[in-house]
Amino acid sequence: MIAIHGSYYNNNFGDLLLIKLVENWVKSKVNSTIVYPMVDKQEQKEFKEHFPNSFIGIKQRETWQALVCTGGGYLGEPNWSHGKKLGGKWNKQFFRRHVLPAEICIWSNTPYAIVGVEAGPLSNIFVRHEVKRILSHASVLSVRNIESKKFIQDTLGIDSEVIVAPDAALTISKEDIPTTALNYVDSLLAPYQGMISLGIHYPSRFLCDTPQAELLRQGLFSTLASTPDVLPVVFSDCGSNNVPSDTEKLAKIIHNSTGKECLSLPFKGIWETAALISKLSAILTTKLHVGIVAYALGVHCESFATHQKTPRFYKQIGRASQCIMLDDISDKNIVIEKIERALQAARNQVSPINCQEYEQVKQNSLIHKQLVLNFLNSTIQN
């Protein structure tokens, strides 16, 4: 039995995609049952929709042959938790969600790999101590950017080998997306052929009652009102697909403010979201992995980031200008400029795939896959 752990909470596309990719890598190498140790009870039904044949829980921990911890940002605190040296919601959540799988392996001398994670910053002294312990005992350790490596080696003082490679989600290609998911998206967009489909992602951020969210809305409405060839496509990548979402709210506001028809697409599934991203002309997002997958699939993306991990990615791929921290937006013209750049790239069919660094970034991201395969080869007897 192989255990896979990640940040599989709130039905979140990016984290679920990373888990799905690692699951596929594991299945390609060994014929073993896969278990997910820490899925919350209230989220197990939706998790099973994405991973229908999975086992959940730690009851069979004595049969674990190995553990693979997938990528994600769960070894670094979000901006809003920075400075909380004692207590704090995120710090408590970290201990509840992410400690037990690795500790079980440490106690039982079961090998484990940590692949493609983001590490740091960490303010809480207890979280920092535990992360250092978990990282120090890993058989394999890779991170998705140089900042994480520096945090591990310089701040935590770990002298283990730390391999750096771009986010594992960059390994995705259009060939990975099931035909059923592509056909589903094609059917949604078919009535709008010839239009520029502008993805507007993570509507919750656009609906916040903050000065920056108001500037986002103003810039968006102003641009859409003057571009009759653009179809706004509001979509979400997390949460329950059975509950009315902020996608509907934002779509209605866009329609009422601009008079434009607007598609509203709540989260349906991992592959449906990947298929949608691949079919859009351009994307605006406040989150990380929609931008990563967009780049991997050749779609221009403009980022309004809310987490320090996001600008790290755009810097890594040589596209730092496409990402700005949301809190740094002080004028709606900044928003308008970014949206117009995305639309221009779409109209001119300018794709990241045609850039010199694209193939190298994609190739380097496969290092995480090879590390997983080598780890399993060295630890598992089929």
Protein backbone atom coordinates (compact mmCIF):
# COMPACT_ATOMS: atom_id res chain seq x y z
CA MET A 1 0.00 0.00 0.00
CA ILE A 2 1.32 3.43 -1.01
CA ALA A 3 0.17 6.50 0.90
CA ILE A 4 -0.15 9.84 -0.89
CA HIS A 5 -0.53 13.04 1.10
CA GLY A 6 -1.19 16.57 -0.10
CA SER A 7 -3.36 19.56 0.56
CA TYR A 8 -6.62 17.87 -0.45
CA TYR A 9 -8.98 20.30 1.24
CA ASN A 10 -11.86 22.49 0.08
CA ASN A 11 -12.07 20.58 -3.22
CA ASN A 12 -9.29 22.79 -4.60
CA PHE A 13 -8.29 22.28 -8.25
CA GLY A 14 -4.55 22.95 -7.98
CA ASP A 15 -3.95 20.65 -5.04
CA LEU A 16 -6.23 17.93 -6.44
CA LEU A 17 -4.43 18.11 -9.79
CA LEU A 18 -1.04 17.65 -8.13
CA ILE A 19 -2.38 14.62 -6.28
CA LYS A 20 -3.90 13.19 -9.46
CA LEU A 21 -0.61 13.58 -11.33
CA VAL A 22 1.36 11.89 -8.55
CA GLU A 23 -1.24 9.13 -8.35
CA ASN A 24 -0.79 8.49 -12.07
CA TRP A 25 3.00 8.38 -11.66
CA VAL A 26 2.73 5.90 -8.80
CA LYS A 27 0.29 3.68 -10.71
CA SER A 28 2.61 3.64 -13.71
CA LYS A 29 5.39 2.21 -11.54
CA VAL A 30 3.85 -0.13 -8.95
CA ASN A 31 0.77 -2.29 -8.66
CA SER A 32 -0.21 -1.26 -5.14
CA THR A 33 -3.30 0.03 -3.39
CA ILE A 34 -3.20 3.78 -2.86
CA VAL A 35 -4.42 5.40 0.34
CA TYR A 36 -5.01 9.05 1.24
CA PRO A 37 -4.47 9.38 4.99
CA MET A 38 -5.91 12.75 5.99
CA VAL A 39 -9.01 13.60 3.94
CA ASP A 40 -11.51 15.35 6.23
CA LYS A 41 -14.63 13.32 6.92
CA GLN A 42 -16.94 16.05 5.62
CA GLU A 43 -15.00 16.22 2.34
CA GLN A 44 -14.67 12.50 1.63
CA LYS A 45 -17.74 12.28 -0.61
CA GLU A 46 -16.48 14.97 -2.99
CA PHE A 47 -12.92 13.61 -2.82
CA LYS A 48 -14.23 10.22 -3.93
CA GLU A 49 -15.78 11.83 -7.00
CA HIS A 50 -12.25 12.74 -8.15
CA PHE A 51 -10.55 9.60 -6.81
CA PRO A 52 -13.29 6.93 -6.96
CA ASN A 53 -11.09 3.92 -6.19
CA SER A 54 -9.12 5.48 -3.36
CA PHE A 55 -8.81 4.31 0.22
CA ILE A 56 -8.96 6.95 2.94
CA GLY A 57 -7.59 7.01 6.49
CA ILE A 58 -4.72 5.68 8.61
CA LYS A 59 -6.20 2.42 9.92
CA GLN A 60 -3.99 0.37 7.61
CA ARG A 61 -0.86 2.41 8.31
CA GLU A 62 1.10 -0.72 9.27
CA THR A 63 0.83 -1.89 5.66
CA TRP A 64 2.22 1.30 4.14
CA GLN A 65 5.23 0.53 1.98
CA ALA A 66 6.01 4.17 1.33
CA LEU A 67 4.55 7.68 1.51
CA VAL A 68 4.72 10.35 -1.20
CA CYS A 69 3.91 13.90 -0.11
CA THR A 70 2.86 15.88 -3.16
CA GLY A 71 3.51 19.50 -3.94
CA GLY A 72 1.55 22.47 -2.72
CA GLY A 73 2.14 25.45 -0.49
CA TYR A 74 1.30 23.82 2.83
CA LEU A 75 4.85 24.09 4.23
CA GLY A 76 4.70 27.86 4.05
CA GLU A 77 2.26 30.19 5.78
CA PRO A 78 -0.09 32.50 3.85
CA ASN A 79 0.41 36.26 4.04
CA TRP A 80 -2.38 36.72 6.58
CA SER A 81 -0.69 34.35 9.06
CA HIS A 82 2.73 35.99 8.89
CA GLY A 83 4.14 37.06 12.25
CA LYS A 84 1.99 34.74 14.39
CA LYS A 85 4.74 33.13 16.44
CA LEU A 86 2.27 31.49 18.83
CA GLY A 87 -1.25 30.30 18.04
CA GLY A 88 -3.01 31.32 14.87
CA LYS A 89 -5.64 29.54 12.76
CA TRP A 90 -3.31 28.44 9.96
CA ASN A 91 -0.74 27.06 12.40
CA LYS A 92 -3.36 24.94 14.20
CA GLN A 93 -4.68 23.78 10.83
CA PHE A 94 -1.19 22.74 9.79
CA PHE A 95 -0.79 20.42 12.77
CA ARG A 96 -4.26 18.94 12.25
CA ARG A 97 -3.79 18.29 8.53
CA HIS A 98 -0.15 17.73 7.64
CA VAL A 99 1.90 16.25 10.49
CA LEU A 100 0.58 12.74 11.09
CA PRO A 101 1.47 10.97 7.78
CA ALA A 102 5.17 11.82 7.97
CA GLU A 103 5.31 11.17 11.72
CA ILE A 104 3.80 7.71 11.19
CA CYS A 105 6.59 7.00 8.73
CA ILE A 106 9.26 8.32 11.08
CA TRP A 107 7.96 6.17 13.95
CA SER A 108 7.67 3.04 11.78
CA ASN A 109 10.83 3.61 9.73
CA THR A 110 8.79 3.74 6.52
CA PRO A 111 10.47 5.66 3.67
CA TYR A 112 8.81 8.81 2.42
CA ALA A 113 9.43 11.38 -0.30
CA ILE A 114 8.46 15.06 -0.30
CA VAL A 115 8.14 16.20 -3.89
CA GLY A 116 7.55 19.64 -5.39
CA VAL A 117 6.55 21.54 -2.25
CA GLU A 118 6.75 25.21 -1.36
CA ALA A 119 8.53 25.85 1.94
CA GLY A 120 8.51 28.98 4.05
CA PRO A 121 8.03 31.43 5.46
CA LEU A 122 7.06 30.08 8.90
CA SER A 123 6.62 32.36 11.90
CA ASN A 124 5.30 29.88 14.47
CA ILE A 125 8.17 28.27 16.39
CA PHE A 126 6.34 24.95 16.86
CA VAL A 127 5.38 24.69 13.18
CA ARG A 128 8.92 25.56 12.17
CA HIS A 129 10.33 22.84 14.45
CA GLU A 130 7.93 20.23 13.09
CA VAL A 131 8.55 21.15 9.45
CA LYS A 132 12.29 20.88 10.05
CA ARG A 133 11.79 17.43 11.57
CA ILE A 134 9.62 16.23 8.68
CA LEU A 135 11.94 17.56 5.98
CA SER A 136 15.07 16.20 7.69
CA HIS A 137 13.76 12.63 7.67
CA ALA A 138 12.61 12.56 4.04
CA SER A 139 14.35 10.12 1.70
CA VAL A 140 13.78 12.48 -1.23
CA LEU A 141 13.19 16.23 -1.07
CA SER A 142 12.35 18.51 -3.98
CA VAL A 143 10.89 22.02 -4.00
CA ARG A 144 9.36 24.17 -6.72
CA ASN A 145 11.51 27.30 -6.41
CA ILE A 146 14.86 28.54 -5.19
CA GLU A 147 13.27 30.55 -2.38
CA SER A 148 12.04 27.31 -0.81
CA LYS A 149 15.48 25.74 -1.04
CA LYS A 150 17.05 28.77 0.65
CA PHE A 151 14.45 28.65 3.41
CA ILE A 152 15.13 24.96 4.05
CA GLN A 153 18.90 25.19 4.01
CA ASP A 154 19.58 28.70 5.31
CA THR A 155 16.68 29.36 7.68
CA LEU A 156 15.93 25.84 8.94
CA GLY A 157 19.56 24.74 8.74
CA ILE A 158 18.88 21.43 6.97
CA ASP A 159 21.92 20.14 5.09
CA SER A 160 20.08 17.45 3.09
CA GLU A 161 20.07 17.61 -0.71
CA VAL A 162 17.22 19.83 -1.91
CA ILE A 163 16.37 19.55 -5.60
CA VAL A 164 14.71 22.53 -7.28
CA ALA A 165 12.37 22.11 -10.24
CA PRO A 166 9.32 24.07 -11.44
CA ASP A 167 5.87 23.13 -10.13
CA ALA A 168 4.82 19.57 -10.99
CA ALA A 169 1.53 20.82 -12.45
CA LEU A 170 3.58 22.10 -15.40
CA THR A 171 3.93 18.49 -16.55
CA ILE A 172 0.29 18.51 -17.69
CA SER A 173 -0.39 18.49 -21.44
CA LYS A 174 -3.56 18.60 -23.53
CA GLU A 175 -3.10 14.88 -24.17
CA ASP A 176 -3.63 14.23 -20.44
CA ILE A 177 -7.13 15.74 -20.50
CA PRO A 178 -9.89 13.18 -21.13
CA THR A 179 -11.88 13.63 -24.33
CA THR A 180 -15.12 13.72 -22.33
CA ALA A 181 -13.91 16.81 -20.46
CA LEU A 182 -12.81 18.55 -23.66
CA ASN A 183 -16.14 17.76 -25.34
CA TYR A 184 -18.02 19.11 -22.32
CA VAL A 185 -16.21 22.45 -22.55
CA ASP A 186 -16.60 22.56 -26.33
CA SER A 187 -20.37 22.24 -25.90
CA LEU A 188 -20.40 25.20 -23.49
CA LEU A 189 -18.36 27.47 -25.76
CA ALA A 190 -19.84 26.35 -29.10
CA PRO A 191 -22.51 29.12 -29.25
CA TYR A 192 -19.76 31.74 -28.95
CA GLN A 193 -17.37 30.73 -31.74
CA GLY A 194 -15.35 33.64 -33.06
CA MET A 195 -15.40 35.51 -29.76
CA ILE A 196 -12.49 36.08 -27.39
CA SER A 197 -13.26 34.00 -24.30
CA LEU A 198 -11.80 35.77 -21.26
CA GLY A 199 -11.60 33.57 -18.19
CA ILE A 200 -12.23 35.45 -14.94
CA HIS A 201 -11.08 33.17 -12.18
CA TYR A 202 -11.73 33.01 -8.48
CA PRO A 203 -14.75 35.33 -8.35
CA SER A 204 -14.66 35.54 -4.55
CA ARG A 205 -11.69 37.92 -4.76
CA PHE A 206 -13.48 40.12 -7.27
CA LEU A 207 -16.48 40.33 -4.90
CA CYS A 208 -14.57 41.30 -1.75
CA ASP A 209 -15.42 44.56 0.01
CA THR A 210 -11.92 46.03 -0.28
CA PRO A 211 -10.46 48.96 -2.23
CA GLN A 212 -8.40 46.57 -4.35
CA ALA A 213 -11.41 44.41 -5.26
CA GLU A 214 -13.32 47.56 -6.20
CA LEU A 215 -10.46 48.55 -8.53
CA LEU A 216 -10.52 45.05 -10.04
CA ARG A 217 -14.23 45.39 -10.76
CA GLN A 218 -13.90 48.91 -12.16
CA GLY A 219 -11.06 47.93 -14.48
CA LEU A 220 -12.89 44.79 -15.59
CA PHE A 221 -16.21 46.52 -16.28
CA SER A 222 -14.51 49.39 -18.12
CA THR A 223 -12.62 47.02 -20.41
CA LEU A 224 -15.54 44.69 -21.08
CA ALA A 225 -17.86 47.58 -21.91
CA SER A 226 -15.57 48.63 -24.77
CA THR A 227 -14.81 45.16 -26.22
CA PRO A 228 -17.86 43.69 -27.99
CA ASP A 229 -15.87 40.68 -29.24
CA VAL A 230 -15.09 39.46 -25.69
CA LEU A 231 -17.10 36.81 -23.85
CA PRO A 232 -16.55 36.91 -20.05
CA VAL A 233 -16.33 33.40 -18.58
CA VAL A 234 -16.45 33.47 -14.78
CA PHE A 235 -15.25 30.21 -13.27
CA SER A 236 -14.26 28.74 -9.94
CA ASP A 237 -11.74 26.03 -9.15
CA CYS A 238 -12.77 24.99 -5.67
CA GLY A 239 -15.67 24.43 -3.29
CA SER A 240 -18.78 22.34 -3.73
CA ASN A 241 -20.23 22.10 -7.21
CA ASN A 242 -23.65 21.49 -5.70
CA VAL A 243 -23.94 24.87 -3.96
CA PRO A 244 -24.72 28.18 -5.69
CA SER A 245 -21.39 29.94 -5.91
CA ASP A 246 -19.82 33.34 -6.29
CA THR A 247 -19.47 32.59 -10.00
CA GLU A 248 -23.18 33.32 -10.41
CA LYS A 249 -22.99 36.49 -8.34
CA LEU A 250 -20.08 37.94 -10.28
CA ALA A 251 -21.57 36.94 -13.64
CA LYS A 252 -24.78 38.79 -12.78
CA ILE A 253 -22.87 41.87 -11.69
CA ILE A 254 -20.84 41.84 -14.92
CA HIS A 255 -24.03 41.51 -16.98
CA ASN A 256 -25.80 44.28 -15.08
CA SER A 257 -22.77 46.59 -15.31
CA THR A 258 -21.81 46.01 -18.95
CA GLY A 259 -24.87 44.50 -20.61
CA LYS A 260 -22.71 41.61 -21.83
CA GLU A 261 -23.73 37.99 -21.73
CA CYS A 262 -21.52 36.18 -19.23
CA LEU A 263 -20.96 32.47 -18.66
CA SER A 264 -20.95 31.24 -15.05
CA LEU A 265 -19.12 27.97 -14.47
CA PRO A 266 -18.75 26.65 -10.91
CA PHE A 267 -16.13 23.98 -10.19
CA LYS A 268 -17.10 20.67 -11.79
CA GLY A 269 -13.94 18.62 -11.60
CA ILE A 270 -10.18 18.44 -12.10
CA TRP A 271 -10.21 17.57 -15.78
CA GLU A 272 -13.17 19.77 -16.64
CA THR A 273 -11.29 22.75 -15.19
CA ALA A 274 -8.11 21.82 -17.03
CA ALA A 275 -10.13 21.46 -20.25
CA LEU A 276 -11.75 24.86 -19.73
CA ILE A 277 -8.36 26.51 -19.18
CA SER A 278 -7.05 24.93 -22.39
CA LYS A 279 -9.98 26.28 -24.42
CA LEU A 280 -10.03 29.87 -23.12
CA SER A 281 -8.43 32.69 -25.09
CA ALA A 282 -6.89 34.35 -22.01
CA ILE A 283 -7.31 34.28 -18.23
CA LEU A 284 -7.35 36.66 -15.26
CA THR A 285 -6.75 35.01 -11.88
CA THR A 286 -5.80 35.74 -8.29
CA LYS A 287 -4.57 32.20 -7.60
CA LEU A 288 -1.50 30.17 -8.48
CA HIS A 289 -2.36 26.90 -10.19
CA VAL A 290 -4.84 28.19 -12.73
CA GLY A 291 -1.97 30.38 -13.95
CA ILE A 292 0.47 27.46 -13.91
CA VAL A 293 -1.87 25.22 -15.90
CA ALA A 294 -2.65 28.07 -18.30
CA TYR A 295 1.07 28.48 -19.01
CA ALA A 296 1.52 24.72 -19.43
CA LEU A 297 -1.37 24.60 -21.93
CA GLY A 298 -0.28 27.70 -23.85
CA VAL A 299 -2.86 30.24 -22.62
CA HIS A 300 -1.91 33.81 -21.66
CA CYS A 301 -2.67 34.59 -18.01
CA GLU A 302 -2.57 37.83 -16.02
CA SER A 303 -2.22 37.40 -12.26
CA PHE A 304 -3.46 39.55 -9.37
CA ALA A 305 -1.71 37.61 -6.63
CA THR A 306 -2.72 37.27 -2.99
CA HIS A 307 0.12 34.97 -1.86
CA GLN A 308 3.89 35.41 -2.04
CA LYS A 309 4.26 32.04 -3.78
CA THR A 310 2.53 33.34 -6.93
CA PRO A 311 5.03 36.02 -8.05
CA ARG A 312 7.78 33.48 -7.44
CA PHE A 313 6.32 31.32 -10.21
CA TYR A 314 6.00 34.13 -12.76
CA LYS A 315 9.56 35.23 -12.02
CA GLN A 316 10.72 31.65 -12.47
CA ILE A 317 9.25 31.40 -15.98
CA GLY A 318 10.51 34.83 -17.03
CA ARG A 319 7.09 36.51 -16.95
CA ALA A 320 7.27 38.63 -13.81
CA SER A 321 5.41 41.49 -15.50
CA GLN A 322 2.28 39.33 -15.77
CA CYS A 323 1.92 39.16 -11.99
CA ILE A 324 1.20 41.94 -9.49
CA MET A 325 0.26 41.60 -5.84
CA LEU A 326 -3.38 42.51 -5.43
CA ASP A 327 -2.58 44.73 -2.45
CA ASP A 328 -0.24 46.79 -4.67
CA ILE A 329 -3.01 47.87 -7.04
CA SER A 330 -3.73 51.57 -6.48
CA ASP A 331 -5.39 52.57 -9.75
CA LYS A 332 -7.94 50.90 -12.03
CA ASN A 333 -5.72 51.75 -15.01
CA ILE A 334 -3.25 49.13 -13.77
CA VAL A 335 -6.05 46.56 -14.04
CA ILE A 336 -7.14 47.83 -17.45
CA GLU A 337 -3.58 47.62 -18.77
CA LYS A 338 -3.23 44.00 -17.67
CA ILE A 339 -6.60 42.97 -19.12
CA GLU A 340 -5.85 44.71 -22.42
CA ARG A 341 -2.51 42.92 -22.60
CA ALA A 342 -4.27 39.58 -22.12
CA LEU A 343 -6.81 40.40 -24.83
CA GLN A 344 -4.10 41.55 -27.22
CA ALA A 345 -2.22 38.28 -26.71
CA ALA A 346 -5.45 36.38 -27.42
CA ARG A 347 -6.27 38.35 -30.58
CA ASN A 348 -2.72 37.98 -31.88
CA GLN A 349 -2.66 34.31 -30.83
CA VAL A 350 0.52 34.86 -28.84
CA SER A 351 1.14 31.69 -26.85
CA PRO A 352 3.76 30.90 -24.19
CA ILE A 353 4.44 27.70 -26.14
CA ASN A 354 6.23 29.74 -28.80
CA CYS A 355 8.68 31.25 -26.31
CA GLN A 356 12.22 29.95 -26.01
CA GLU A 357 12.08 29.09 -22.31
CA TYR A 358 8.80 27.13 -22.50
CA GLU A 359 10.22 23.70 -23.42
CA GLN A 360 12.98 24.02 -20.82
CA VAL A 361 10.50 24.88 -18.06
CA LYS A 362 8.29 21.93 -19.04
CA GLN A 363 11.25 19.57 -19.19
CA ASN A 364 12.57 20.68 -15.80
CA SER A 365 9.16 20.13 -14.16
CA LEU A 366 9.42 16.43 -15.09
CA ILE A 367 12.26 16.10 -12.58
CA HIS A 368 9.62 15.65 -9.87
CA LYS A 369 8.11 12.71 -11.76
CA GLN A 370 11.48 11.04 -12.17
CA LEU A 371 12.23 11.51 -8.49
CA VAL A 372 8.97 9.74 -7.56
CA LEU A 373 9.69 6.87 -9.95
CA ASN A 374 13.26 6.48 -8.69
CA PHE A 375 12.08 6.60 -5.08
CA LEU A 376 9.54 3.85 -5.66
CA ASN A 377 12.06 1.80 -7.60
CA SER A 378 14.48 1.91 -4.68
CA THR A 379 11.96 1.24 -1.93
CA ILE A 380 9.15 -0.95 -3.29
CA GLN A 381 9.26 -4.62 -4.17
CA ASN A 382 6.51 -5.35 -6.73
